[in-house]
Amino acid sequence: MAKTQTTYFCQNCGNQSSKWLGKCPACGEWNTYQEEVVSRKDDKKGGYQKPEKSARPVAVQNISSKKENRLDTQSDELNRVLGGGMVAGSIVLIGGEPGIGKSTLMLQVALNMDNCRILYVSGEESNQQIKMRADRLGLNNAECYILNETFSREIFRHIQQVKPDLIVIDSIQTLHTDTLESSAGSISQIRETAAELHRFAKTTQVPVVLIGHITKDGNLAGPKVLEHMVDTVLQFEGDRHHGFRILRCAKNRFGSTSELGIFEMQSSGLREVSNPSEILLSQRDEEVSGVAIAATIEGQRPMLIETQALVSPAAYGTPQRSSTGFDLRRMNMLLAVLEKRSGVRISAKDVFLNIAGGLRVDDPAIDLAVVAAVLSSAEDLPISNNICFAGEVGLSGEIRAVSRIESRISEAEKLGFEKIIISKFNLKGLDLKKLKIELIPVGKVLDVVEVLF
């Protein structure tokens, strides 16, 4: 008998080595190498074989440029994140925490697409479990077929019989091919099965959705080449103990990566949140200090979110700095600017910052709301509920202009705000006659202190 061939793979980055290494030379992680059987069976040809077709070089001016065909997923939030729908022949990878709702999202999408034939391949749940989930969702699609299979050769055989318009794989870590002897979920198996699905999608122009596991660090499990191989990488985020889920795009070859979709988990499935500003603003009976409303932009969507700050005397001598949903280093920078330019002494106080709703915001226009919330909490003076903020704070204390100020102002006006504090450099080109909301231009942080207090 032929000797079994084994090699060592880094479980973090997928780097290959002929012997065990304590430290991976590619990613620098320790104790991540594991031995896997990689001997290839010569009498097997894998699950899907690309048709023999020789490629030839083509001049770039002779290539026809046409708009890609997109498949409507019947979900406005998912379509927005994908860039307008699912492109024919594309591969989409969705990752997230266990129990966050990845399978629920894709089953709900599959059952809502009445005009398409869907093949839902599940290697983790039985047909009865999926049927129970479908009954809970209250949806039924006669063109949605459920397949409980993990062997790639059998999956492609059923694909040829069903001829689906969309394929959902739940999950890629459960598949295995007979070309390798290693177990399902190993680095080599994930890479080989993903390569077979990639060849199938690009050859037949049938889109494929892969549901993937994540590691304890929050990264997608498997080799890094898996993320390079697919066209779109989506992250399904949120706390499973809270209702709201956020769908972010980490990579997209057919659209922007700055879009996000918001869902609310209910007993009947995931509900799309079309107006996130209403859920991100808390309904308070009375005004409290340390709360400011920021007008932000996520992709093409304007949103008003609540920024909460708490400033209190340091109980243990060393002041604490904590931030949730906002970059901690940028918060420290804003605190330094605030103390230097406005004279507010907060160096010996604890500062806690929170972005309500579980969002993580990178828009620099939230700087002004953060500064206002910290000032409000430090002075223990509330900010009126009818005021919102949009502006970037520079190191010299100046309030810089932000992009797409018209969208921010119109969103604040639509939600009933009476005043919005912006940079005075944003006034150029604005038609003030059409606006019903009052604009308060400021140039420095000190001006904000005078306007508010």
Foldseek 3Di string as FASTA:
>chain_A
DDDFQKWKAFQPAGDTGRDDDQADPPPGDGPRIDIWGFQFDPVDDKQADFDDDDDDDDDPVPDDDDDFDFDDLVDPQVCVQQARHHGFLFEEEEEEAPPLQPVLVVLVSLQVCQVWAEEEEAQDDDPVVSVVLCVQLVGHHPRYHYHHDQESNVVVVVCVVSVTLEYEYHALQRHAYNRTDGHRNDQVRSVVSLVNVSSVSNRVRRYYYHYFYADPVGHTGYHPVSVVSGAWYWYWDDDSVAFKIKIFTPGHPNHDRQGMWMWGQDSNGTHGDPAVQVVQDDDDPDFWALKAWAFFDRPNDTHIHIKGKAKAADPPQQAAFEEALEDRVVLVLLVVLCCVPAVQDRRRIHMYMYTGPRHRDDGQQCSLRNSRSHVRNSVRHGFDPLEHEGFHADNNFFTDAHPPVVNSQVVSVVVPRQEYEHAPVVPPPDDPVVHRHHYHHDTGPNVVVVVGD
